Each structure stands twice: as structure tokens, then as C-alpha cells.
PDB file of N, CA and C in Angstrom:
ATOM      1  N   MET A   1     147.030 -24.254 -78.839  1.00  0.00           N
ATOM      2  CA  MET A   1     147.019 -22.813 -79.011  1.00  0.00           C
ATOM      3  C   MET A   1     145.688 -22.275 -78.510  1.00  0.00           C
ATOM      4  N   LEU A   2     145.757 -21.151 -77.856  1.00  0.00           N
ATOM      5  CA  LEU A   2     144.538 -20.507 -77.386  1.00  0.00           C
ATOM      6  C   LEU A   2     143.830 -19.821 -78.550  1.00  0.00           C
ATOM      7  N   ALA A   3     142.528 -19.813 -78.512  1.00  0.00           N
ATOM      8  CA  ALA A   3     141.746 -19.234 -79.606  1.00  0.00           C
ATOM      9  C   ALA A   3     141.591 -17.728 -79.492  1.00  0.00           C
ATOM     10  N   ASP A   4     141.961 -17.148 -78.361  1.00  0.00           N
ATOM     11  CA  ASP A   4     141.731 -15.723 -78.152  1.00  0.00           C
ATOM     12  C   ASP A   4     143.015 -14.897 -78.225  1.00  0.00           C
ATOM     13  N   MET A   5     143.911 -15.273 -79.142  1.00  0.00           N
ATOM     14  CA  MET A   5     145.186 -14.572 -79.295  1.00  0.00           C
ATOM     15  C   MET A   5     145.334 -14.075 -80.743  1.00  0.00           C
ATOM     16  N   PRO A   6     144.632 -12.985 -81.085  1.00  0.00           N
ATOM     17  CA  PRO A   6     144.550 -12.551 -82.479  1.00  0.00           C
ATOM     18  C   PRO A   6     145.859 -12.045 -83.074  1.00  0.00           C
ATOM     19  N   TRP A   7     146.839 -11.701 -82.262  1.00  0.00           N
ATOM     20  CA  TRP A   7     148.075 -11.159 -82.809  1.00  0.00           C
ATOM     21  C   TRP A   7     149.088 -12.237 -83.176  1.00  0.00           C
ATOM     22  N   VAL A   8     148.816 -13.485 -82.817  1.00  0.00           N
ATOM     23  CA  VAL A   8     149.728 -14.562 -83.198  1.00  0.00           C
ATOM     24  C   VAL A   8     149.600 -14.776 -84.707  1.00  0.00           C
ATOM     25  N   SER A   9     150.716 -14.642 -85.396  1.00  0.00           N
ATOM     26  CA  SER A   9     150.700 -14.711 -86.858  1.00  0.00           C
ATOM     27  C   SER A   9     151.177 -16.075 -87.355  1.00  0.00           C
ATOM     28  N   THR A  10     151.006 -16.271 -88.637  1.00  0.00           N
ATOM     29  CA  THR A  10     151.524 -17.477 -89.274  1.00  0.00           C
ATOM     30  C   THR A  10     153.038 -17.548 -89.088  1.00  0.00           C
ATOM     31  N   ALA A  11     153.716 -16.417 -89.208  1.00  0.00           N
ATOM     32  CA  ALA A  11     155.170 -16.386 -89.014  1.00  0.00           C
ATOM     33  C   ALA A  11     155.541 -16.803 -87.595  1.00  0.00           C
ATOM     34  N   ASP A  12     154.749 -16.368 -86.608  1.00  0.00           N
ATOM     35  CA  ASP A  12     154.990 -16.775 -85.220  1.00  0.00           C
ATOM     36  C   ASP A  12     154.880 -18.288 -85.076  1.00  0.00           C
ATOM     37  N   ILE A  13     153.809 -18.845 -85.613  1.00  0.00           N
ATOM     38  CA  ILE A  13     153.585 -20.296 -85.546  1.00  0.00           C
ATOM     39  C   ILE A  13     154.729 -21.029 -86.248  1.00  0.00           C
ATOM     40  N   ASN A  14     155.122 -20.535 -87.412  1.00  0.00           N
ATOM     41  CA  ASN A  14     156.219 -21.173 -88.138  1.00  0.00           C
ATOM     42  C   ASN A  14     157.523 -21.141 -87.350  1.00  0.00           C
ATOM     43  N   SER A  15     157.788 -20.046 -86.636  1.00  0.00           N
ATOM     44  CA  SER A  15     158.995 -19.960 -85.801  1.00  0.00           C
ATOM     45  C   SER A  15     158.984 -21.020 -84.706  1.00  0.00           C
ATOM     46  N   LEU A  16     157.829 -21.218 -84.095  1.00  0.00           N
ATOM     47  CA  LEU A  16     157.711 -22.237 -83.045  1.00  0.00           C
ATOM     48  C   LEU A  16     157.901 -23.639 -83.622  1.00  0.00           C
ATOM     49  N   ILE A  17     157.284 -23.898 -84.746  1.00  0.00           N
ATOM     50  CA  ILE A  17     157.400 -25.209 -85.394  1.00  0.00           C
ATOM     51  C   ILE A  17     158.847 -25.472 -85.812  1.00  0.00           C
ATOM     52  N   GLU A  18     159.508 -24.466 -86.373  1.00  0.00           N
ATOM     53  CA  GLU A  18     160.903 -24.624 -86.773  1.00  0.00           C
ATOM     54  C   GLU A  18     161.787 -24.973 -85.576  1.00  0.00           C
ATOM     55  N   ALA A  19     161.546 -24.319 -84.449  1.00  0.00           N
ATOM     56  CA  ALA A  19     162.322 -24.623 -83.243  1.00  0.00           C
ATOM     57  C   ALA A  19     162.044 -26.051 -82.777  1.00  0.00           C
ATOM     58  N   PHE A  20     160.796 -26.466 -82.850  1.00  0.00           N
ATOM     59  CA  PHE A  20     160.423 -27.824 -82.440  1.00  0.00           C
ATOM     60  C   PHE A  20     161.158 -28.862 -83.288  1.00  0.00           C
ATOM     61  N   PHE A  21     161.148 -28.689 -84.595  1.00  0.00           N
ATOM     62  CA  PHE A  21     161.836 -29.629 -85.480  1.00  0.00           C
ATOM     63  C   PHE A  21     163.355 -29.540 -85.342  1.00  0.00           C
ATOM     64  N   ALA A  22     163.869 -28.329 -85.112  1.00  0.00           N
ATOM     65  CA  ALA A  22     165.317 -28.164 -84.948  1.00  0.00           C
ATOM     66  C   ALA A  22     165.837 -28.920 -83.725  1.00  0.00           C
ATOM     67  N   HIS A  23     164.959 -29.127 -82.754  1.00  0.00           N
ATOM     68  CA  HIS A  23     165.331 -29.852 -81.534  1.00  0.00           C
ATOM     69  C   HIS A  23     164.779 -31.276 -81.541  1.00  0.00           C
ATOM     70  N   ARG A  24     164.527 -31.802 -82.729  1.00  0.00           N
ATOM     71  CA  ARG A  24     164.115 -33.187 -82.953  1.00  0.00           C
ATOM     72  C   ARG A  24     162.795 -33.547 -82.267  1.00  0.00           C
ATOM     73  N   CYS A  25     161.899 -32.570 -82.121  1.00  0.00           N
ATOM     74  CA  CYS A  25     160.537 -32.777 -81.606  1.00  0.00           C
ATOM     75  C   CYS A  25     160.515 -33.327 -80.188  1.00  0.00           C
ATOM     76  N   ARG A  26     161.537 -33.033 -79.406  1.00  0.00           N
ATOM     77  CA  ARG A  26     161.606 -33.581 -78.045  1.00  0.00           C
ATOM     78  C   ARG A  26     161.341 -32.574 -76.933  1.00  0.00           C
ATOM     79  N   PRO A  27     161.781 -31.323 -77.061  1.00  0.00           N
ATOM     80  CA  PRO A  27     161.542 -30.403 -75.933  1.00  0.00           C
ATOM     81  C   PRO A  27     160.165 -29.763 -76.016  1.00  0.00           C
ATOM     82  N   ILE A  28     159.866 -29.006 -74.990  1.00  0.00           N
ATOM     83  CA  ILE A  28     158.668 -28.167 -74.965  1.00  0.00           C
ATOM     84  C   ILE A  28     159.086 -26.831 -75.569  1.00  0.00           C
ATOM     85  N   ILE A  29     158.289 -26.314 -76.477  1.00  0.00           N
ATOM     86  CA  ILE A  29     158.560 -25.024 -77.108  1.00  0.00           C
ATOM     87  C   ILE A  29     157.550 -24.023 -76.563  1.00  0.00           C
ATOM     88  N   VAL A  30     158.055 -22.910 -76.026  1.00  0.00           N
ATOM     89  CA  VAL A  30     157.192 -21.900 -75.412  1.00  0.00           C
ATOM     90  C   VAL A  30     157.433 -20.551 -76.068  1.00  0.00           C
ATOM     91  N   ALA A  31     156.371 -19.911 -76.519  1.00  0.00           N
ATOM     92  CA  ALA A  31     156.471 -18.553 -77.049  1.00  0.00           C
ATOM     93  C   ALA A  31     156.715 -17.594 -75.894  1.00  0.00           C
ATOM     94  N   THR A  32     157.564 -16.603 -76.139  1.00  0.00           N
ATOM     95  CA  THR A  32     157.839 -15.596 -75.121  1.00  0.00           C
ATOM     96  C   THR A  32     157.775 -14.207 -75.727  1.00  0.00           C
ATOM     97  N   CYS A  33     157.688 -13.240 -74.829  1.00  0.00           N
ATOM     98  CA  CYS A  33     157.888 -11.837 -75.163  1.00  0.00           C
ATOM     99  C   CYS A  33     158.992 -11.375 -74.223  1.00  0.00           C
ATOM    100  N   GLY A  34     160.191 -11.244 -74.755  1.00  0.00           N
ATOM    101  CA  GLY A  34     161.335 -11.003 -73.883  1.00  0.00           C
ATOM    102  C   GLY A  34     161.547 -12.227 -73.018  1.00  0.00           C
ATOM    103  N   SER A  35     161.573 -12.030 -71.718  1.00  0.00           N
ATOM    104  CA  SER A  35     161.784 -13.156 -70.806  1.00  0.00           C
ATOM    105  C   SER A  35     160.482 -13.672 -70.194  1.00  0.00           C
ATOM    106  N   VAL A  36     159.338 -13.171 -70.675  1.00  0.00           N
ATOM    107  CA  VAL A  36     158.038 -13.562 -70.115  1.00  0.00           C
ATOM    108  C   VAL A  36     157.420 -14.642 -71.000  1.00  0.00           C
ATOM    109  N   ARG A  37     157.140 -15.776 -70.399  1.00  0.00           N
ATOM    110  CA  ARG A  37     156.513 -16.877 -71.142  1.00  0.00           C
ATOM    111  C   ARG A  37     155.041 -16.601 -71.387  1.00  0.00           C
ATOM    112  N   GLY A  38     154.584 -17.021 -72.578  1.00  0.00           N
ATOM    113  CA  GLY A  38     153.184 -16.852 -72.941  1.00  0.00           C
ATOM    114  C   GLY A  38     152.692 -18.045 -73.735  1.00  0.00           C
ATOM    115  N   ASN A  39     151.994 -17.786 -74.812  1.00  0.00           N
ATOM    116  CA  ASN A  39     151.425 -18.808 -75.692  1.00  0.00           C
ATOM    117  C   ASN A  39     151.639 -18.384 -77.127  1.00  0.00           C
ATOM    118  N   PRO A  40     151.611 -19.309 -78.042  1.00  0.00           N
ATOM    119  CA  PRO A  40     151.331 -20.737 -77.971  1.00  0.00           C
ATOM    120  C   PRO A  40     152.512 -21.542 -77.411  1.00  0.00           C
ATOM    121  N   VAL A  41     152.210 -22.797 -77.135  1.00  0.00           N
ATOM    122  CA  VAL A  41     153.186 -23.756 -76.632  1.00  0.00           C
ATOM    123  C   VAL A  41     153.075 -25.014 -77.484  1.00  0.00           C
ATOM    124  N   ILE A  42     154.204 -25.617 -77.783  1.00  0.00           N
ATOM    125  CA  ILE A  42     154.200 -26.915 -78.458  1.00  0.00           C
ATOM    126  C   ILE A  42     154.711 -27.940 -77.457  1.00  0.00           C
ATOM    127  N   LEU A  43     153.905 -28.968 -77.241  1.00  0.00           N
ATOM    128  CA  LEU A  43     154.280 -30.057 -76.340  1.00  0.00           C
ATOM    129  C   LEU A  43     154.590 -31.301 -77.158  1.00  0.00           C
ATOM    130  N   PRO A  44     155.641 -32.039 -76.786  1.00  0.00           N
ATOM    131  CA  PRO A  44     155.946 -33.261 -77.527  1.00  0.00           C
ATOM    132  C   PRO A  44     154.915 -34.353 -77.257  1.00  0.00           C
ATOM    133  N   ARG A  45     154.874 -35.296 -78.141  1.00  0.00           N
ATOM    134  CA  ARG A  45     153.927 -36.417 -78.056  1.00  0.00           C
ATOM    135  C   ARG A  45     154.037 -37.161 -76.723  1.00  0.00           C
ATOM    136  N   SER A  46     155.217 -37.160 -76.125  1.00  0.00           N
ATOM    137  CA  SER A  46     155.409 -37.881 -74.867  1.00  0.00           C
ATOM    138  C   SER A  46     154.522 -37.353 -73.744  1.00  0.00           C
ATOM    139  N   LEU A  47     153.992 -36.149 -73.888  1.00  0.00           N
ATOM    140  CA  LEU A  47     153.119 -35.557 -72.865  1.00  0.00           C
ATOM    141  C   LEU A  47     151.637 -35.649 -73.218  1.00  0.00           C
ATOM    142  N   LEU A  48     151.308 -36.329 -74.293  1.00  0.00           N
ATOM    143  CA  LEU A  48     149.923 -36.404 -74.766  1.00  0.00           C
ATOM    144  C   LEU A  48     148.971 -36.928 -73.697  1.00  0.00           C
ATOM    145  N   GLY A  49     149.355 -37.966 -72.986  1.00  0.00           N
ATOM    146  CA  GLY A  49     148.489 -38.524 -71.949  1.00  0.00           C
ATOM    147  C   GLY A  49     148.178 -37.521 -70.852  1.00  0.00           C
ATOM    148  N   GLU A  50     149.188 -36.754 -70.434  1.00  0.00           N
ATOM    149  CA  GLU A  50     148.970 -35.745 -69.394  1.00  0.00           C
ATOM    150  C   GLU A  50     148.064 -34.621 -69.887  1.00  0.00           C
ATOM    151  N   VAL A  51     148.225 -34.243 -71.139  1.00  0.00           N
ATOM    152  CA  VAL A  51     147.373 -33.201 -71.712  1.00  0.00           C
ATOM    153  C   VAL A  51     145.934 -33.695 -71.784  1.00  0.00           C
ATOM    154  N   ALA A  52     145.738 -34.935 -72.161  1.00  0.00           N
ATOM    155  CA  ALA A  52     144.389 -35.501 -72.270  1.00  0.00           C
ATOM    156  C   ALA A  52     143.685 -35.539 -70.919  1.00  0.00           C
ATOM    157  N   ASN A  53     144.437 -35.571 -69.835  1.00  0.00           N
ATOM    158  CA  ASN A  53     143.859 -35.632 -68.496  1.00  0.00           C
ATOM    159  C   ASN A  53     143.614 -34.266 -67.868  1.00  0.00           C
ATOM    160  N   LEU A  54     143.921 -33.194 -68.567  1.00  0.00           N
ATOM    161  CA  LEU A  54     143.680 -31.855 -68.019  1.00  0.00           C
ATOM    162  C   LEU A  54     142.196 -31.638 -67.799  1.00  0.00           C
ATOM    163  N   LYS A  55     141.871 -30.973 -66.722  1.00  0.00           N
ATOM    164  CA  LYS A  55     140.482 -30.631 -66.397  1.00  0.00           C
ATOM    165  C   LYS A  55     140.376 -29.129 -66.174  1.00  0.00           C
ATOM    166  N   GLY A  56     139.277 -28.558 -66.596  1.00  0.00           N
ATOM    167  CA  GLY A  56     139.020 -27.144 -66.354  1.00  0.00           C
ATOM    168  C   GLY A  56     139.914 -26.233 -67.170  1.00  0.00           C
ATOM    169  N   ASP A  57     140.156 -25.048 -66.642  1.00  0.00           N
ATOM    170  CA  ASP A  57     140.888 -23.998 -67.346  1.00  0.00           C
ATOM    171  C   ASP A  57     142.308 -23.851 -66.789  1.00  0.00           C
ATOM    172  N   LEU A  58     142.960 -24.966 -66.516  1.00  0.00           N
ATOM    173  CA  LEU A  58     144.279 -24.915 -65.899  1.00  0.00           C
ATOM    174  C   LEU A  58     145.405 -24.702 -66.895  1.00  0.00           C
ATOM    175  N   GLY A  59     145.230 -25.139 -68.106  1.00  0.00           N
ATOM    176  CA  GLY A  59     146.317 -25.065 -69.067  1.00  0.00           C
ATOM    177  C   GLY A  59     147.390 -26.085 -68.741  1.00  0.00           C
ATOM    178  N   ALA A  60     148.486 -25.991 -69.446  1.00  0.00           N
ATOM    179  CA  ALA A  60     149.544 -26.998 -69.326  1.00  0.00           C
ATOM    180  C   ALA A  60     150.706 -26.552 -68.444  1.00  0.00           C
ATOM    181  N   ARG A  61     150.556 -25.443 -67.742  1.00  0.00           N
ATOM    182  CA  ARG A  61     151.662 -24.904 -66.924  1.00  0.00           C
ATOM    183  C   ARG A  61     152.248 -25.945 -65.977  1.00  0.00           C
ATOM    184  N   ASN A  62     151.400 -26.681 -65.265  1.00  0.00           N
ATOM    185  CA  ASN A  62     151.915 -27.681 -64.325  1.00  0.00           C
ATOM    186  C   ASN A  62     152.554 -28.866 -65.035  1.00  0.00           C
ATOM    187  N   ILE A  63     152.060 -29.191 -66.205  1.00  0.00           N
ATOM    188  CA  ILE A  63     152.676 -30.259 -66.999  1.00  0.00           C
ATOM    189  C   ILE A  63     154.089 -29.834 -67.398  1.00  0.00           C
ATOM    190  N   ILE A  64     154.222 -28.602 -67.835  1.00  0.00           N
ATOM    191  CA  ILE A  64     155.533 -28.096 -68.245  1.00  0.00           C
ATOM    192  C   ILE A  64     156.493 -28.116 -67.064  1.00  0.00           C
ATOM    193  N   ARG A  65     156.065 -27.624 -65.922  1.00  0.00           N
ATOM    194  CA  ARG A  65     156.925 -27.580 -64.725  1.00  0.00           C
ATOM    195  C   ARG A  65     157.347 -28.965 -64.259  1.00  0.00           C
ATOM    196  N   GLY A  66     156.445 -29.917 -64.337  1.00  0.00           N
ATOM    197  CA  GLY A  66     156.722 -31.239 -63.796  1.00  0.00           C
ATOM    198  C   GLY A  66     157.273 -32.246 -64.785  1.00  0.00           C
ATOM    199  N   SER A  67     157.494 -31.849 -66.009  1.00  0.00           N
ATOM    200  CA  SER A  67     157.845 -32.827 -67.045  1.00  0.00           C
ATOM    201  C   SER A  67     159.311 -33.254 -67.045  1.00  0.00           C
ATOM    202  N   ASN A  68     160.202 -32.446 -66.519  1.00  0.00           N
ATOM    203  CA  ASN A  68     161.646 -32.686 -66.603  1.00  0.00           C
ATOM    204  C   ASN A  68     162.171 -32.677 -68.027  1.00  0.00           C
ATOM    205  N   LEU A  69     161.379 -32.177 -68.966  1.00  0.00           N
ATOM    206  CA  LEU A  69     161.839 -32.025 -70.344  1.00  0.00           C
ATOM    207  C   LEU A  69     162.464 -30.640 -70.508  1.00  0.00           C
ATOM    208  N   PRO A  70     163.414 -30.516 -71.426  1.00  0.00           N
ATOM    209  CA  PRO A  70     163.947 -29.178 -71.685  1.00  0.00           C
ATOM    210  C   PRO A  70     162.862 -28.276 -72.258  1.00  0.00           C
ATOM    211  N   VAL A  71     162.957 -26.996 -71.938  1.00  0.00           N
ATOM    212  CA  VAL A  71     162.031 -25.995 -72.462  1.00  0.00           C
ATOM    213  C   VAL A  71     162.837 -25.021 -73.317  1.00  0.00           C
ATOM    214  N   VAL A  72     162.409 -24.863 -74.556  1.00  0.00           N
ATOM    215  CA  VAL A  72     163.045 -23.933 -75.481  1.00  0.00           C
ATOM    216  C   VAL A  72     162.106 -22.750 -75.647  1.00  0.00           C
ATOM    217  N   GLU A  73     162.612 -21.568 -75.353  1.00  0.00           N
ATOM    218  CA  GLU A  73     161.817 -20.358 -75.480  1.00  0.00           C
ATOM    219  C   GLU A  73     162.081 -19.710 -76.832  1.00  0.00           C
ATOM    220  N   VAL A  74     161.008 -19.288 -77.494  1.00  0.00           N
ATOM    221  CA  VAL A  74     161.094 -18.621 -78.795  1.00  0.00           C
ATOM    222  C   VAL A  74     160.399 -17.265 -78.652  1.00  0.00           C
ATOM    223  N   ASP A  75     161.165 -16.197 -78.793  1.00  0.00           N
ATOM    224  CA  ASP A  75     160.609 -14.851 -78.629  1.00  0.00           C
ATOM    225  C   ASP A  75     159.836 -14.452 -79.884  1.00  0.00           C
ATOM    226  N   ILE A  76     158.517 -14.342 -79.735  1.00  0.00           N
ATOM    227  CA  ILE A  76     157.678 -13.893 -80.854  1.00  0.00           C
ATOM    228  C   ILE A  76     157.120 -12.492 -80.590  1.00  0.00           C
ATOM    229  N   GLY A  77     157.591 -11.867 -79.524  1.00  0.00           N
ATOM    230  CA  GLY A  77     157.167 -10.504 -79.216  1.00  0.00           C
ATOM    231  C   GLY A  77     155.830 -10.450 -78.495  1.00  0.00           C
ATOM    232  N   PRO A  78     155.193  -9.282 -78.509  1.00  0.00           N
ATOM    233  CA  PRO A  78     153.972  -9.051 -77.736  1.00  0.00           C
ATOM    234  C   PRO A  78     152.811  -9.987 -78.059  1.00  0.00           C
ATOM    235  N   SER A  79     152.808 -10.574 -79.241  1.00  0.00           N
ATOM    236  CA  SER A  79     151.704 -11.470 -79.587  1.00  0.00           C
ATOM    237  C   SER A  79     151.633 -12.672 -78.651  1.00  0.00           C
ATOM    238  N   ALA A  80     152.731 -13.031 -77.999  1.00  0.00           N
ATOM    239  CA  ALA A  80     152.749 -14.165 -77.067  1.00  0.00           C
ATOM    240  C   ALA A  80     151.949 -13.880 -75.803  1.00  0.00           C
ATOM    241  N   LEU A  81     151.716 -12.608 -75.520  1.00  0.00           N
ATOM    242  CA  LEU A  81     151.055 -12.235 -74.266  1.00  0.00           C
ATOM    243  C   LEU A  81     149.685 -11.591 -74.461  1.00  0.00           C
ATOM    244  N   HIS A  82     149.348 -11.258 -75.682  1.00  0.00           N
ATOM    245  CA  HIS A  82     148.110 -10.511 -75.940  1.00  0.00           C
ATOM    246  C   HIS A  82     146.946 -11.458 -76.225  1.00  0.00           C
ATOM    247  N   ASP A  83     146.029 -11.537 -75.262  1.00  0.00           N
ATOM    248  CA  ASP A  83     144.823 -12.323 -75.507  1.00  0.00           C
ATOM    249  C   ASP A  83     143.597 -11.442 -75.317  1.00  0.00           C
ATOM    250  N   VAL A  84     142.481 -11.946 -75.776  1.00  0.00           N
ATOM    251  CA  VAL A  84     141.245 -11.179 -75.789  1.00  0.00           C
ATOM    252  C   VAL A  84     140.237 -11.889 -74.894  1.00  0.00           C
ATOM    253  N   ASP A  85     140.064 -11.353 -73.681  1.00  0.00           N
ATOM    254  CA  ASP A  85     139.179 -11.992 -72.710  1.00  0.00           C
ATOM    255  C   ASP A  85     137.906 -11.210 -72.410  1.00  0.00           C
ATOM    256  N   THR A  86     137.820  -9.980 -72.895  1.00  0.00           N
ATOM    257  CA  THR A  86     136.644  -9.151 -72.622  1.00  0.00           C
ATOM    258  C   THR A  86     136.158  -8.521 -73.927  1.00  0.00           C
ATOM    259  N   MET A  87     134.942  -8.003 -73.911  1.00  0.00           N
ATOM    260  CA  MET A  87     134.407  -7.307 -75.090  1.00  0.00           C
ATOM    261  C   MET A  87     135.283  -6.089 -75.427  1.00  0.00           C
ATOM    262  N   GLU A  88     135.751  -5.374 -74.392  1.00  0.00           N
ATOM    263  CA  GLU A  88     136.601  -4.209 -74.617  1.00  0.00           C
ATOM    264  C   GLU A  88     137.892  -4.614 -75.299  1.00  0.00           C
ATOM    265  N   ALA A  89     138.482  -5.712 -74.857  1.00  0.00           N
ATOM    266  CA  ALA A  89     139.719  -6.196 -75.467  1.00  0.00           C
ATOM    267  C   ALA A  89     139.485  -6.652 -76.903  1.00  0.00           C
ATOM    268  N   LEU A  90     138.315  -7.223 -77.162  1.00  0.00           N
ATOM    269  CA  LEU A  90     137.966  -7.650 -78.522  1.00  0.00           C
ATOM    270  C   LEU A  90     137.899  -6.442 -79.460  1.00  0.00           C
ATOM    271  N   VAL A  91     137.230  -5.404 -79.033  1.00  0.00           N
ATOM    272  CA  VAL A  91     137.120  -4.197 -79.851  1.00  0.00           C
ATOM    273  C   VAL A  91     138.497  -3.566 -80.036  1.00  0.00           C
ATOM    274  N   ALA A  92     139.305  -3.509 -78.965  1.00  0.00           N
ATOM    275  CA  ALA A  92     140.642  -2.916 -79.056  1.00  0.00           C
ATOM    276  C   ALA A  92     141.526  -3.706 -80.022  1.00  0.00           C
ATOM    277  N   ALA A  93     141.277  -4.995 -80.158  1.00  0.00           N
ATOM    278  CA  ALA A  93     142.062  -5.833 -81.070  1.00  0.00           C
ATOM    279  C   ALA A  93     141.538  -5.762 -82.513  1.00  0.00           C
ATOM    280  N   GLY A  94     140.482  -4.980 -82.742  1.00  0.00           N
ATOM    281  CA  GLY A  94     139.952  -4.820 -84.091  1.00  0.00           C
ATOM    282  C   GLY A  94     138.724  -5.649 -84.375  1.00  0.00           C
ATOM    283  N   GLY A  95     138.207  -6.322 -83.366  1.00  0.00           N
ATOM    284  CA  GLY A  95     137.015  -7.135 -83.546  1.00  0.00           C
ATOM    285  C   GLY A  95     135.751  -6.314 -83.597  1.00  0.00           C
ATOM    286  N   ILE A  96     134.686  -6.924 -84.054  1.00  0.00           N
ATOM    287  CA  ILE A  96     133.399  -6.246 -84.161  1.00  0.00           C
ATOM    288  C   ILE A  96     132.406  -6.960 -83.257  1.00  0.00           C
ATOM    289  N   VAL A  97     131.732  -6.194 -82.422  1.00  0.00           N
ATOM    290  CA  VAL A  97     130.712  -6.738 -81.532  1.00  0.00           C
ATOM    291  C   VAL A  97     129.348  -6.345 -82.089  1.00  0.00           C
ATOM    292  N   SER A  98     128.507  -7.330 -82.353  1.00  0.00           N
ATOM    293  CA  SER A  98     127.182  -6.981 -82.889  1.00  0.00           C
ATOM    294  C   SER A  98     126.093  -7.465 -81.993  1.00  0.00           C
TER     295      SER A  98
END
């Protein structure tokens, strides 16, 4: 999970976890807003080695595309797409800059 996604709630995380367990912990679970994929993502243990080899700020997008595992999308709404990358975005999300 990315650390800069303040709108992701406990309920959102629980929805993703429930989907993961409902599918016997085998597919990739991706949070969406409508049909747009975002974060967080749950990857099965079978991809742990590939995740450990990630370098830089690439994320797991290429792992997901190349895995041949099923992908289950879980719509959690706008929180899947809202991240905070700038000071302005931090303040707009309710953060305090000191």
C-alpha cells in the first residue's frame, strides 16, 4: 500500500482483504474507482520474489501485467486514485504543513 493515500479507509482495506480470501488468496486484488485501476493492491505470495526484486519507483504494474494470474478488481471509489504528492495536495487533503 502506498503511504500517500489518505482517503483509503479501514473499510476499503477490509473489502480488498475479503475479496482476496474469497478467491482463496490466489489472484491479484486491485482497488478501482469505476473502471480505473488504482491502489492499494494485494499480491499473492507466489509473486513475493518478483516484488522483492523491484527497483526504484516502478511499482508492481509490470508484475501484474506479466504474471498470468487472474486480477480481481474491487471498486472502493475515489480513494483508490487520490494520492498526495505535493504540499498543495497535502493541505487539500486536510494535512498540516509546518
